[in-house]
Amino acid sequence: MNEKKPTNLADNLAGTNKYVHNPNALREQQIDFEKIKTKLDKFKKELLKKFPFIIALGVLPVNASPLFEEDEGIPKEEIAKKPLHVLMIMPEEQYKNMSKIRPEVIKIAQQSGENLWVHIKTAEVDMWNYGLDSKFEFIDAVAACYPLHDGGFLGALRVANIHKSLVLNWLNVGRVRYVASYVIAGSLVRGTADKTSDVDTFVIIDDTDVKRMSRIELIEKLRGKIVYDFVREASALAGVKNILNVQVYLLTDFWQSVKDAHPVMFTFIRDGIPMFDRGTFIPWKRLLQMGKIKPSPEAIDLYMKEGDRTSEIIKRRMLDNMVDVYFGVVTPTQAMMMLSGHAPPVPKVLVEEVKKALVEKEKVLTLKDVKILEKAVKMYKDYEHGKLKEVSGKEIDEMLEEAKTYIKKMKEVRDKLEKKMQEHQAEQIDEVVFNLMKKVFGNKSKEDLLKDVEKEMVKKGKIPERMFGVAEELTKVRQKVKTKKLSQSEMQRISRDSNELVDKLTEFAQRKELVSMERGIMQIAVGNQKVEIVATDLGIFVVEQQGKIMAIKEKKLIDSSKEEFEKAIKETKERLKFTMSNEVMDVLKKHYGDFEISF
């Protein structure tokens, strides 16, 4: 079933027309390149050796041959020989040597052993005259060249031409034509494009019959398709690395910008070359060359006002620079306050807090250093309260140099504070670990404590063997930190290992064969419930918070009574300590599960 032909631009936006190669590439070229590849390679090498400035060299499509034969007036007898047409593109600056270049090129072509006809064109003039003369089919043919040598020109032109075809196939269907102009500019037009150069193009869309959607909606839909979808598709089809930059304009907006003397539009018209035009862009270019496009009085006034605003803009930017320097000084200072254990002070009290914390207490800053901070804060306050209206460039330079010195000092402060923190952390680790060891093994030297850990815990399999290595390392950690600052990861590892050792020591203390308790009473916590374990000469009793009393007999808990418990208390001799076997701990754990011991 035939698709309904679009009648307006809105219908075209919903179209699904696919890309079709340009007419010059529709039919398969009747050239067996495999047979002549060796000769063409030899021809290319000889040319590049003789003329290394050649920008591009390519074989023109067979079905484009009549265009170039007619355009250059090639004799009929030469046409009858059906030569292979080769395009050679060189810089415009070499055109003055054309009388010497052409005979040499002809000689090399004749020596190639193949019937070649070489068309010598300059990149900046000859190529783009095709566009200015509305001979767009010639540009299509050049873009479809089989490249023998390409410095980037043919690839850039190819991706732009494929994108143009995608746009035309989408919006120019039948008698309905909405693409007013497709124009290229930038390095490609200047003849300086290489294999990574961006390709700048702009598309002008005739929007004069748009009635069913707003202009904003129209331009967004056009950009979505032309700038994103088609650019991605064209880049994939062209197989080049050149990035295609496309700008889409509505005809009415473009004309208004030209009328208002918008510099970008003037540049586009002056430098741009049409790859497709329906009589819109080329007349503008001619009028601009003739000096007939003149800005309106309103545009002149607008640009004059921009000059008047220059002074205010500069003042505003200088103040912005001052604010940037202020934050560049204040923010690191707040960071150092946090590192020293204080909340980051608000700018209002920042200077005083820094003096107390970093100058007087930590002694890592001097009053001279703080003056830089004080100056930045004062200037910012004056600016905030409207007292400071402008700042000179000299003042900004001074502030910037002072800020660099201050930030360098902040980095030194950070190193000092982190070292102090590490020393404090190492001291805490040392105290916690070895105080716990002393509680378990008695008040001994570190060397003796390590021997006890190895004998009582490691060799008896109470803790993993690597824990002994951790304990040995912890005996040296305080001295190690004093000697040099450790890395953050190393300090975290030491802290993690010490916590693990503390857990093992605590567990060992709780599971020690004999547990000493003062006054014959021990308390355990089972969840939120507190349970007392009371040792008497008649046995061990368990008293729960609710008043329930049990006794431990024959390795299990059995119910008891208040009378039996009171009798046992009366008959027990007063003493400061008693011992309880590990078996009792097992009975309690079996009955209550996990619990914590408190003395």
Protein backbone atom coordinates (compact mmCIF):
# COMPACT_ATOMS: atom_id res chain seq x y z
CA MET A 1 0.00 0.00 0.00
CA ASN A 2 1.39 3.42 -0.93
CA GLU A 3 2.14 5.79 1.94
CA LYS A 4 0.12 8.98 2.11
CA LYS A 5 2.22 11.85 0.81
CA PRO A 6 2.84 14.63 3.37
CA THR A 7 1.11 17.91 2.64
CA ASN A 8 2.83 20.11 5.23
CA LEU A 9 5.85 20.25 7.53
CA ALA A 10 4.00 18.66 10.46
CA ASP A 11 3.23 15.59 8.31
CA ASN A 12 6.88 15.36 7.28
CA LEU A 13 8.01 15.33 10.92
CA ALA A 14 6.08 12.09 11.41
CA GLY A 15 7.51 10.53 8.24
CA THR A 16 9.68 7.41 8.19
CA ASN A 17 11.62 7.90 4.96
CA LYS A 18 14.88 5.93 4.95
CA TYR A 19 18.28 6.99 3.72
CA VAL A 20 18.93 6.51 0.01
CA HIS A 21 22.43 6.95 -1.38
CA ASN A 22 22.92 9.97 -3.61
CA PRO A 23 22.10 9.32 -7.29
CA ASN A 24 25.76 9.14 -8.26
CA ALA A 25 26.19 6.04 -6.10
CA LEU A 26 22.89 4.22 -6.84
CA ARG A 27 24.18 1.95 -9.55
CA GLU A 28 27.11 -0.33 -8.93
CA GLN A 29 30.22 1.15 -10.47
CA GLN A 30 31.34 -0.83 -13.45
CA ILE A 31 34.98 -0.84 -12.34
CA ASP A 32 36.89 -3.90 -11.32
CA PHE A 33 39.15 -2.25 -8.75
CA GLU A 34 40.90 -5.51 -7.94
CA LYS A 35 42.36 -5.62 -11.45
CA ILE A 36 43.62 -2.04 -11.44
CA LYS A 37 44.35 -1.66 -7.70
CA THR A 38 48.09 -2.22 -8.15
CA LYS A 39 48.30 0.39 -10.91
CA LEU A 40 46.25 2.89 -8.89
CA ASP A 41 48.45 2.36 -5.83
CA LYS A 42 51.56 2.94 -7.92
CA PHE A 43 49.98 6.06 -9.45
CA LYS A 44 49.08 7.36 -5.96
CA LYS A 45 52.57 6.76 -4.58
CA GLU A 46 54.24 8.51 -7.51
CA LEU A 47 51.90 11.50 -7.19
CA LEU A 48 52.37 11.84 -3.41
CA LYS A 49 56.12 11.47 -3.79
CA LYS A 50 56.17 14.28 -6.35
CA PHE A 51 53.46 16.43 -4.72
CA PRO A 52 53.27 15.67 -0.96
CA PHE A 53 50.91 18.63 -0.45
CA ILE A 54 48.00 16.77 -2.12
CA ILE A 55 44.95 16.94 0.18
CA ALA A 56 42.92 14.13 -1.37
CA LEU A 57 42.95 11.73 -4.29
CA GLY A 58 39.93 9.67 -5.31
CA VAL A 59 38.23 7.85 -8.17
CA LEU A 60 35.00 9.57 -9.24
CA PRO A 61 31.81 7.47 -9.60
CA VAL A 62 31.33 6.16 -13.16
CA ASN A 63 27.86 7.67 -13.48
CA ALA A 64 29.26 11.10 -12.50
CA SER A 65 31.75 11.04 -15.39
CA PRO A 66 29.41 12.81 -17.87
CA LEU A 67 29.06 15.74 -15.44
CA PHE A 68 32.80 16.38 -15.27
CA GLU A 69 33.34 15.61 -18.98
CA GLU A 70 30.79 18.23 -19.96
CA ASP A 71 31.91 20.74 -17.32
CA GLU A 72 35.55 20.62 -18.44
CA GLY A 73 34.82 20.28 -22.15
CA ILE A 74 36.72 17.03 -22.69
CA PRO A 75 36.98 16.16 -26.41
CA LYS A 76 34.56 13.50 -27.70
CA GLU A 77 37.37 11.26 -28.92
CA GLU A 78 38.79 11.16 -25.35
CA ILE A 79 35.33 10.48 -23.91
CA ALA A 80 34.95 7.57 -26.33
CA LYS A 81 38.02 5.92 -24.77
CA LYS A 82 36.06 5.78 -21.46
CA PRO A 83 38.88 6.94 -19.17
CA LEU A 84 38.80 6.40 -15.43
CA HIS A 85 38.20 9.84 -13.89
CA VAL A 86 40.40 10.65 -10.90
CA LEU A 87 39.97 13.73 -8.72
CA MET A 88 43.05 15.39 -7.24
CA ILE A 89 42.46 18.07 -4.59
CA MET A 90 45.29 20.41 -3.61
CA PRO A 91 45.66 23.62 -1.56
CA GLU A 92 44.74 26.92 -3.22
CA GLU A 93 48.23 28.26 -2.51
CA GLN A 94 49.60 25.77 -5.08
CA TYR A 95 47.34 27.08 -7.86
CA LYS A 96 50.08 29.49 -8.98
CA ASN A 97 52.19 26.45 -9.87
CA MET A 98 49.42 24.82 -11.91
CA SER A 99 51.36 25.25 -15.17
CA LYS A 100 54.13 23.05 -13.73
CA ILE A 101 51.93 20.63 -11.80
CA ARG A 102 49.53 19.68 -14.60
CA PRO A 103 52.16 18.33 -17.09
CA GLU A 104 53.79 16.28 -14.33
CA VAL A 105 50.44 14.80 -13.29
CA ILE A 106 49.61 13.91 -16.91
CA LYS A 107 53.01 12.28 -17.31
CA ILE A 108 52.57 10.15 -14.16
CA ALA A 109 49.03 9.20 -15.27
CA GLN A 110 50.31 8.05 -18.67
CA GLN A 111 53.10 6.03 -17.03
CA SER A 112 50.60 4.23 -14.79
CA GLY A 113 49.55 1.93 -17.65
CA GLU A 114 45.88 2.75 -17.08
CA ASN A 115 43.59 5.11 -19.02
CA LEU A 116 43.28 7.87 -16.39
CA TRP A 117 41.88 11.39 -16.66
CA VAL A 118 42.92 13.51 -13.69
CA HIS A 119 40.78 16.49 -12.62
CA ILE A 120 42.92 18.89 -10.58
CA LYS A 121 40.91 21.07 -8.19
CA THR A 122 41.80 23.39 -5.32
CA ALA A 123 40.09 22.75 -1.99
CA GLU A 124 39.30 26.36 -1.06
CA VAL A 125 38.07 27.68 -4.45
CA ASP A 126 37.34 25.11 -7.16
CA MET A 127 35.51 22.67 -4.89
CA TRP A 128 33.27 25.27 -3.30
CA ASN A 129 32.50 27.08 -6.54
CA TYR A 130 30.33 24.04 -7.30
CA GLY A 131 28.18 24.97 -4.30
CA LEU A 132 28.13 28.69 -5.07
CA ASP A 133 27.13 27.89 -8.68
CA SER A 134 24.34 25.58 -7.42
CA LYS A 135 26.07 22.54 -8.97
CA PHE A 136 25.28 20.41 -5.95
CA GLU A 137 25.45 17.16 -7.94
CA PHE A 138 29.21 17.75 -8.34
CA ILE A 139 29.64 17.91 -4.54
CA ASP A 140 27.60 14.69 -4.28
CA ALA A 141 29.96 13.03 -6.76
CA VAL A 142 33.09 14.16 -4.90
CA ALA A 143 31.63 12.90 -1.61
CA ALA A 144 31.02 9.50 -3.26
CA CYS A 145 34.64 9.20 -4.47
CA TYR A 146 36.55 5.97 -3.93
CA PRO A 147 39.44 7.36 -1.84
CA LEU A 148 42.99 6.56 -2.91
CA HIS A 149 44.46 9.10 -0.49
CA ASP A 150 42.60 11.26 2.02
CA GLY A 151 43.99 13.65 4.59
CA GLY A 152 40.50 14.06 6.02
CA PHE A 153 38.81 16.18 3.35
CA LEU A 154 36.85 13.41 1.58
CA GLY A 155 35.80 11.74 4.85
CA ALA A 156 34.51 15.00 6.32
CA LEU A 157 32.66 15.82 3.10
CA ARG A 158 31.22 12.30 2.95
CA VAL A 159 29.69 12.41 6.45
CA ALA A 160 28.19 15.86 5.76
CA ASN A 161 26.79 14.72 2.42
CA ILE A 162 25.19 11.58 3.90
CA HIS A 163 23.62 13.70 6.63
CA LYS A 164 22.32 16.11 4.00
CA SER A 165 20.75 13.21 2.08
CA LEU A 166 19.06 11.95 5.25
CA VAL A 167 17.57 15.38 5.91
CA LEU A 168 16.43 15.86 2.31
CA ASN A 169 14.89 12.38 2.11
CA TRP A 170 12.96 13.15 5.28
CA LEU A 171 11.70 16.67 4.59
CA ASN A 172 11.86 17.10 0.79
CA VAL A 173 9.36 14.57 -0.58
CA GLY A 174 7.78 15.04 -3.99
CA ARG A 175 6.73 18.63 -4.56
CA VAL A 176 6.81 19.37 -0.83
CA ARG A 177 10.22 20.82 0.00
CA TYR A 178 10.95 22.24 3.45
CA VAL A 179 14.76 22.30 3.51
CA ALA A 180 15.64 25.81 2.34
CA SER A 181 19.42 25.42 2.65
CA TYR A 182 22.03 22.94 3.84
CA VAL A 183 25.36 24.73 4.38
CA ILE A 184 28.84 23.68 5.51
CA ALA A 185 31.47 25.88 7.14
CA GLY A 186 34.59 25.67 9.31
CA SER A 187 37.85 23.85 8.59
CA LEU A 188 36.33 21.81 5.75
CA VAL A 189 35.59 24.98 3.77
CA ARG A 190 39.01 26.42 4.59
CA GLY A 191 40.62 23.24 3.24
CA THR A 192 42.38 22.47 6.52
CA ALA A 193 40.22 19.53 7.67
CA ASP A 194 42.02 16.42 8.87
CA LYS A 195 40.75 12.99 9.92
CA THR A 196 39.67 14.23 13.37
CA SER A 197 38.38 17.71 12.51
CA ASP A 198 34.83 18.63 13.44
CA VAL A 199 32.47 19.19 10.51
CA ASP A 200 30.29 22.28 11.01
CA THR A 201 26.98 22.44 9.14
CA PHE A 202 23.70 24.29 9.53
CA VAL A 203 20.27 23.57 8.13
CA ILE A 204 17.64 26.22 7.40
CA ILE A 205 14.06 24.92 7.44
CA ASP A 206 11.19 26.77 5.75
CA ASP A 207 8.59 27.15 8.49
CA THR A 208 6.27 29.60 6.76
CA ASP A 209 3.35 27.14 6.53
CA VAL A 210 3.54 25.75 10.09
CA LYS A 211 0.12 26.10 11.70
CA ARG A 212 -0.48 23.02 13.86
CA MET A 213 2.35 23.31 16.37
CA SER A 214 4.24 26.02 18.22
CA ARG A 215 7.61 27.20 16.96
CA ILE A 216 9.36 25.85 20.07
CA GLU A 217 7.79 22.41 19.59
CA LEU A 218 8.75 22.49 15.91
CA ILE A 219 12.40 23.37 16.50
CA GLU A 220 12.72 20.73 19.25
CA LYS A 221 11.34 18.01 16.96
CA LEU A 222 13.61 19.09 14.13
CA ARG A 223 16.68 19.12 16.38
CA GLY A 224 15.81 15.74 17.88
CA LYS A 225 15.77 14.13 14.45
CA ILE A 226 18.38 16.15 12.53
CA VAL A 227 20.93 16.81 15.28
CA TYR A 228 20.75 13.50 17.14
CA ASP A 229 19.24 10.65 15.10
CA PHE A 230 20.59 11.62 11.67
CA VAL A 231 24.04 12.61 12.96
CA ARG A 232 24.43 9.21 14.62
CA GLU A 233 23.26 7.42 11.46
CA ALA A 234 25.44 9.49 9.12
CA SER A 235 28.56 8.94 11.24
CA ALA A 236 27.95 5.18 11.21
CA LEU A 237 27.39 5.08 7.43
CA ALA A 238 30.40 7.29 6.64
CA GLY A 239 32.77 5.30 8.85
CA VAL A 240 34.87 8.33 9.81
CA LYS A 241 36.01 9.82 13.12
CA ASN A 242 34.99 13.37 12.24
CA ILE A 243 32.38 14.77 14.65
CA LEU A 244 29.43 16.33 12.85
CA ASN A 245 28.17 19.55 14.49
CA VAL A 246 24.75 20.50 13.14
CA GLN A 247 22.71 23.60 13.93
CA VAL A 248 19.08 23.88 12.89
CA TYR A 249 17.38 27.23 12.21
CA LEU A 250 13.89 28.16 11.13
CA LEU A 251 13.86 30.40 8.06
CA THR A 252 11.97 33.18 9.85
CA ASP A 253 14.36 33.13 12.83
CA PHE A 254 17.42 33.11 10.59
CA TRP A 255 16.14 36.06 8.58
CA GLN A 256 15.38 38.00 11.77
CA SER A 257 18.91 37.33 13.04
CA VAL A 258 20.37 38.54 9.73
CA LYS A 259 18.26 41.66 9.96
CA ASP A 260 19.48 42.25 13.53
CA ALA A 261 23.10 41.79 12.42
CA HIS A 262 23.73 38.76 14.60
CA PRO A 263 27.50 38.08 14.28
CA VAL A 264 27.07 34.30 14.07
CA MET A 265 24.66 34.58 11.15
CA PHE A 266 26.91 37.06 9.35
CA THR A 267 29.82 34.64 9.79
CA PHE A 268 27.73 31.73 8.49
CA ILE A 269 26.69 33.67 5.41
CA ARG A 270 30.20 34.99 4.76
CA ASP A 271 32.08 31.69 5.19
CA GLY A 272 29.41 29.07 4.49
CA ILE A 273 29.14 27.01 1.29
CA PRO A 274 25.75 25.58 0.29
CA MET A 275 25.52 21.84 -0.39
CA PHE A 276 21.83 22.38 -1.13
CA ASP A 277 19.91 25.61 -1.62
CA ARG A 278 16.46 26.56 -2.91
CA GLY A 279 17.38 30.15 -3.67
CA THR A 280 17.67 31.33 -0.08
CA PHE A 281 21.29 31.22 1.05
CA ILE A 282 23.10 32.12 -2.18
CA PRO A 283 21.17 35.42 -2.64
CA TRP A 284 22.01 36.32 0.99
CA LYS A 285 25.69 35.61 0.33
CA ARG A 286 25.66 37.75 -2.81
CA LEU A 287 23.90 40.61 -1.00
CA LEU A 288 26.42 40.44 1.85
CA GLN A 289 29.33 40.55 -0.62
CA MET A 290 27.71 43.59 -2.24
CA GLY A 291 27.28 45.27 1.15
CA LYS A 292 23.50 45.30 0.80
CA ILE A 293 22.72 43.49 4.07
CA LYS A 294 22.82 46.21 6.67
CA PRO A 295 21.85 45.99 10.33
CA SER A 296 18.73 47.79 11.56
CA PRO A 297 18.99 50.87 13.84
CA GLU A 298 17.65 48.73 16.69
CA ALA A 299 20.50 46.24 16.20
CA ILE A 300 23.06 49.07 16.23
CA ASP A 301 21.59 50.44 19.48
CA LEU A 302 21.64 46.98 21.02
CA TYR A 303 25.31 46.45 20.24
CA MET A 304 26.21 49.93 21.46
CA LYS A 305 24.54 49.16 24.78
CA GLU A 306 26.75 46.10 25.08
CA GLY A 307 29.75 48.45 25.03
CA ASP A 308 28.24 50.60 27.78
CA ARG A 309 27.75 47.49 29.93
CA THR A 310 31.38 46.42 29.64
CA SER A 311 32.58 48.33 32.69
CA GLU A 312 29.82 46.93 34.91
CA ILE A 313 30.42 43.41 33.65
CA ILE A 314 34.14 43.65 34.45
CA LYS A 315 33.42 44.99 37.95
CA ARG A 316 30.96 42.19 38.54
CA ARG A 317 33.46 39.57 37.43
CA MET A 318 36.21 41.02 39.63
CA LEU A 319 33.88 40.78 42.62
CA ASP A 320 33.07 37.20 41.61
CA ASN A 321 36.81 36.47 41.58
CA MET A 322 37.08 37.89 45.11
CA VAL A 323 34.21 35.63 46.24
CA ASP A 324 35.93 32.61 44.65
CA VAL A 325 39.17 33.37 46.51
CA TYR A 326 37.18 33.78 49.76
CA PHE A 327 35.61 30.34 49.45
CA GLY A 328 38.97 28.92 48.37
CA VAL A 329 40.38 30.05 51.75
CA VAL A 330 37.37 29.45 54.02
CA THR A 331 36.42 25.93 52.87
CA PRO A 332 39.82 24.28 53.57
CA THR A 333 39.89 26.07 56.94
CA GLN A 334 36.54 24.55 57.89
CA ALA A 335 37.89 21.17 56.80
CA MET A 336 40.85 21.53 59.18
CA MET A 337 38.52 22.53 62.01
CA MET A 338 36.54 19.32 61.44
CA LEU A 339 39.75 17.32 61.36
CA SER A 340 40.77 18.77 64.73
CA GLY A 341 37.48 17.58 66.23
CA HIS A 342 35.37 20.76 65.99
CA ALA A 343 32.17 21.47 64.11
CA PRO A 344 32.82 23.61 61.00
CA PRO A 345 32.31 27.20 62.24
CA VAL A 346 30.14 29.67 60.34
CA PRO A 347 32.14 32.44 58.62
CA LYS A 348 30.97 34.98 61.22
CA VAL A 349 32.97 33.34 64.03
CA LEU A 350 35.46 31.42 61.89
CA VAL A 351 38.51 33.59 62.62
CA GLU A 352 38.05 33.50 66.41
CA GLU A 353 37.43 29.75 66.43
CA VAL A 354 40.52 29.13 64.30
CA LYS A 355 42.64 31.19 66.71
CA LYS A 356 41.40 29.13 69.67
CA ALA A 357 41.60 25.71 68.03
CA LEU A 358 44.46 25.79 65.53
CA VAL A 359 46.68 28.56 66.95
CA GLU A 360 46.35 28.30 70.74
CA LYS A 361 45.34 24.67 71.29
CA GLU A 362 46.84 22.66 68.41
CA LYS A 363 49.64 25.18 67.65
CA VAL A 364 49.66 24.32 63.93
CA LEU A 365 48.96 27.87 62.68
CA THR A 366 50.45 31.27 63.48
CA LEU A 367 48.66 34.61 63.82
CA LYS A 368 50.38 35.66 60.59
CA ASP A 369 48.67 32.78 58.76
CA VAL A 370 45.31 33.71 60.27
CA LYS A 371 45.62 37.29 58.96
CA ILE A 372 45.18 35.97 55.40
CA LEU A 373 41.94 34.30 56.45
CA GLU A 374 40.87 37.41 58.37
CA LYS A 375 41.42 39.64 55.32
CA ALA A 376 39.38 37.36 53.03
CA VAL A 377 36.52 37.16 55.55
CA LYS A 378 36.48 40.94 56.08
CA MET A 379 36.37 41.68 52.34
CA TYR A 380 33.54 39.20 51.86
CA LYS A 381 31.56 40.71 54.77
CA ASP A 382 32.00 44.21 53.32
CA TYR A 383 30.82 42.93 49.95
CA GLU A 384 27.87 41.13 51.57
CA HIS A 385 26.81 44.27 53.45
CA GLY A 386 27.12 46.45 50.34
CA LYS A 387 30.17 48.40 51.56
CA LEU A 388 32.54 46.92 48.96
CA LYS A 389 31.43 47.97 45.47
CA GLU A 390 34.46 47.02 43.41
CA VAL A 391 37.84 45.31 43.62
CA SER A 392 40.88 46.15 41.52
CA GLY A 393 42.83 43.61 39.54
CA LYS A 394 45.88 44.33 41.71
CA GLU A 395 43.91 43.41 44.85
CA ILE A 396 42.70 40.19 43.22
CA ASP A 397 46.28 39.26 42.32
CA GLU A 398 47.40 39.90 45.90
CA MET A 399 44.51 37.87 47.32
CA LEU A 400 45.24 35.02 44.93
CA GLU A 401 48.92 34.86 45.89
CA GLU A 402 48.03 34.98 49.59
CA ALA A 403 45.41 32.27 49.04
CA LYS A 404 47.98 30.01 47.36
CA THR A 405 50.32 30.44 50.35
CA TYR A 406 47.46 29.80 52.79
CA ILE A 407 46.23 26.66 51.00
CA LYS A 408 49.78 25.32 50.97
CA LYS A 409 49.88 25.95 54.73
CA MET A 410 46.54 24.14 55.14
CA LYS A 411 48.04 21.04 53.52
CA GLU A 412 50.89 21.15 56.07
CA VAL A 413 48.33 21.60 58.87
CA ARG A 414 46.45 18.57 57.64
CA ASP A 415 49.60 16.42 57.80
CA LYS A 416 50.32 17.60 61.37
CA LEU A 417 46.75 17.06 62.58
CA GLU A 418 46.50 13.63 61.00
CA LYS A 419 49.80 12.65 62.65
CA LYS A 420 48.50 13.85 66.02
CA MET A 421 45.31 11.90 65.51
CA GLN A 422 47.28 8.80 64.64
CA GLU A 423 49.43 9.19 67.77
CA HIS A 424 46.30 9.56 69.91
CA GLN A 425 44.66 6.59 68.20
CA ALA A 426 47.81 4.47 68.65
CA GLU A 427 47.92 5.43 72.34
CA GLN A 428 44.28 4.40 72.82
CA ILE A 429 44.82 1.08 71.03
CA ASP A 430 47.89 0.38 73.17
CA GLU A 431 46.05 1.16 76.43
CA VAL A 432 42.92 -0.83 75.60
CA VAL A 433 44.76 -3.94 74.38
CA PHE A 434 47.43 -4.18 77.06
CA ASN A 435 45.17 -3.16 79.96
CA LEU A 436 42.87 -5.99 78.92
CA MET A 437 45.83 -8.38 78.78
CA LYS A 438 46.83 -7.29 82.30
CA LYS A 439 43.33 -8.05 83.58
CA VAL A 440 43.55 -11.51 82.06
CA PHE A 441 47.17 -12.43 82.83
CA GLY A 442 48.14 -10.01 85.60
CA ASN A 443 50.19 -6.82 85.82
CA LYS A 444 53.23 -7.80 83.76
CA SER A 445 55.50 -6.26 81.15
CA LYS A 446 54.46 -6.30 77.49
CA GLU A 447 57.05 -8.98 76.74
CA ASP A 448 55.66 -11.28 79.47
CA LEU A 449 52.09 -10.58 78.40
CA LEU A 450 52.95 -11.63 74.84
CA LYS A 451 54.45 -14.86 76.18
CA ASP A 452 51.22 -15.56 78.10
CA VAL A 453 49.12 -14.86 74.99
CA GLU A 454 51.21 -17.31 73.01
CA LYS A 455 51.21 -19.98 75.76
CA GLU A 456 47.61 -19.74 77.02
CA MET A 457 45.75 -18.65 73.90
CA VAL A 458 47.64 -19.41 70.68
CA LYS A 459 49.16 -22.80 71.54
CA LYS A 460 45.92 -23.98 73.15
CA GLY A 461 43.97 -22.99 70.04
CA LYS A 462 41.87 -20.35 71.82
CA ILE A 463 42.65 -17.71 69.17
CA PRO A 464 43.99 -17.87 65.56
CA GLU A 465 47.78 -17.92 65.28
CA ARG A 466 47.83 -14.68 63.27
CA MET A 467 46.46 -12.83 66.34
CA PHE A 468 49.86 -13.29 68.01
CA GLY A 469 51.44 -11.39 65.09
CA VAL A 470 48.86 -8.64 65.59
CA ALA A 471 49.69 -8.46 69.31
CA GLU A 472 53.42 -8.21 68.51
CA GLU A 473 52.77 -5.40 66.01
CA LEU A 474 50.67 -3.49 68.56
CA THR A 475 53.60 -3.38 70.99
CA LYS A 476 55.45 -1.23 68.44
CA VAL A 477 52.59 0.85 66.99
CA ARG A 478 53.05 3.88 69.29
CA GLN A 479 56.73 4.19 68.43
CA LYS A 480 56.01 3.56 64.76
CA VAL A 481 53.48 6.42 64.58
CA LYS A 482 55.82 8.82 66.40
CA THR A 483 58.60 8.06 63.92
CA LYS A 484 56.53 8.67 60.78
CA LYS A 485 52.97 9.32 59.64
CA LEU A 486 51.25 6.14 58.50
CA SER A 487 48.96 5.96 55.50
CA GLN A 488 45.23 6.05 56.14
CA SER A 489 44.77 2.49 54.88
CA GLU A 490 47.58 1.19 57.14
CA MET A 491 46.10 2.92 60.20
CA GLN A 492 42.66 1.51 59.40
CA ARG A 493 44.16 -1.99 59.17
CA ILE A 494 45.88 -1.63 62.56
CA SER A 495 42.65 -0.37 64.14
CA ARG A 496 40.68 -3.23 62.60
CA ASP A 497 43.20 -5.85 63.79
CA SER A 498 43.29 -4.37 67.31
CA ASN A 499 39.49 -4.50 67.56
CA GLU A 500 39.57 -8.15 66.53
CA LEU A 501 42.24 -8.93 69.14
CA VAL A 502 40.24 -7.13 71.85
CA ASP A 503 37.19 -9.24 70.96
CA LYS A 504 39.25 -12.44 71.24
CA LEU A 505 40.76 -11.39 74.58
CA THR A 506 37.36 -10.45 75.99
CA GLU A 507 35.88 -13.75 74.91
CA PHE A 508 38.83 -15.59 76.44
CA ALA A 509 38.38 -13.71 79.72
CA GLN A 510 34.71 -14.66 79.84
CA ARG A 511 35.45 -18.28 79.02
CA LYS A 512 38.48 -18.57 81.29
CA GLU A 513 38.59 -21.77 83.28
CA LEU A 514 38.15 -19.87 86.56
CA VAL A 515 36.16 -16.66 86.87
CA SER A 516 36.75 -14.56 89.98
CA MET A 517 33.81 -12.61 91.39
CA GLU A 518 33.64 -10.17 94.28
CA ARG A 519 31.13 -10.75 97.11
CA GLY A 520 30.03 -14.07 95.59
CA ILE A 521 27.54 -12.43 93.21
CA MET A 522 27.70 -12.17 89.44
CA GLN A 523 25.14 -10.52 87.18
CA ILE A 524 24.40 -11.52 83.61
CA ALA A 525 22.32 -9.67 81.01
CA VAL A 526 19.98 -11.76 78.89
CA GLY A 527 18.44 -9.34 76.41
CA ASN A 528 16.69 -6.69 78.55
CA GLN A 529 16.53 -9.03 81.60
CA LYS A 530 19.07 -9.01 84.42
CA VAL A 531 19.83 -12.35 86.16
CA GLU A 532 21.94 -12.73 89.33
CA ILE A 533 24.19 -15.74 89.90
CA VAL A 534 24.78 -16.23 93.66
CA ALA A 535 27.45 -18.64 94.90
CA THR A 536 26.94 -20.24 98.33
CA ASP A 537 28.57 -23.06 100.26
CA LEU A 538 25.49 -25.20 99.47
CA GLY A 539 25.62 -24.54 95.73
CA ILE A 540 25.03 -21.92 93.04
CA PHE A 541 21.63 -20.25 92.73
CA VAL A 542 20.13 -18.31 89.81
CA VAL A 543 17.73 -15.46 90.69
CA GLU A 544 15.72 -13.91 87.83
CA GLN A 545 14.23 -10.42 87.80
CA GLN A 546 10.68 -11.75 88.20
CA GLY A 547 11.68 -13.49 91.46
CA LYS A 548 12.05 -17.01 90.10
CA ILE A 549 14.84 -18.95 91.89
CA MET A 550 16.71 -21.92 90.42
CA ALA A 551 19.72 -23.97 91.50
CA ILE A 552 22.49 -25.50 89.39
CA LYS A 553 22.76 -29.22 90.14
CA GLU A 554 24.19 -32.05 88.09
CA LYS A 555 25.07 -29.72 85.18
CA LYS A 556 21.53 -28.38 84.78
CA LEU A 557 19.15 -25.80 86.19
CA ILE A 558 16.36 -27.04 88.49
CA ASP A 559 13.65 -25.10 90.28
CA SER A 560 14.36 -24.08 93.87
CA SER A 561 12.53 -22.13 96.56
CA LYS A 562 12.98 -18.91 98.48
CA GLU A 563 13.39 -20.83 101.75
CA GLU A 564 16.15 -23.05 100.35
CA PHE A 565 17.95 -20.00 98.91
CA GLU A 566 17.76 -18.04 102.21
CA LYS A 567 19.00 -21.08 104.16
CA ALA A 568 22.02 -21.39 101.82
CA ILE A 569 22.83 -17.69 102.25
CA LYS A 570 22.75 -17.97 106.07
CA GLU A 571 25.04 -20.98 106.14
CA THR A 572 27.58 -19.43 103.74
CA LYS A 573 30.67 -17.95 105.39
CA GLU A 574 31.43 -14.32 104.40
CA ARG A 575 34.27 -14.02 101.89
CA LEU A 576 35.54 -11.62 99.23
CA LYS A 577 35.98 -14.03 96.33
CA PHE A 578 34.81 -17.41 95.13
CA THR A 579 35.53 -19.46 92.03
CA MET A 580 33.06 -20.84 89.49
CA SER A 581 33.86 -23.56 87.00
CA ASN A 582 33.51 -23.31 83.27
CA GLU A 583 30.86 -26.02 83.48
CA VAL A 584 28.53 -23.56 85.23
CA MET A 585 29.02 -21.12 82.34
CA ASP A 586 28.00 -23.87 79.92
CA VAL A 587 24.81 -24.58 81.93
CA LEU A 588 23.87 -20.90 81.85
CA LYS A 589 24.55 -20.64 78.11
CA LYS A 590 22.51 -23.78 77.44
CA HIS A 591 19.55 -22.36 79.37
CA TYR A 592 19.69 -18.68 78.37
CA GLY A 593 21.63 -18.71 75.12
CA ASP A 594 23.98 -15.75 74.53
CA PHE A 595 24.45 -13.41 77.51
CA GLU A 596 26.84 -10.77 78.79
CA ILE A 597 28.62 -10.91 82.16
CA SER A 598 28.86 -7.90 84.48
CA PHE A 599 30.62 -7.95 87.86
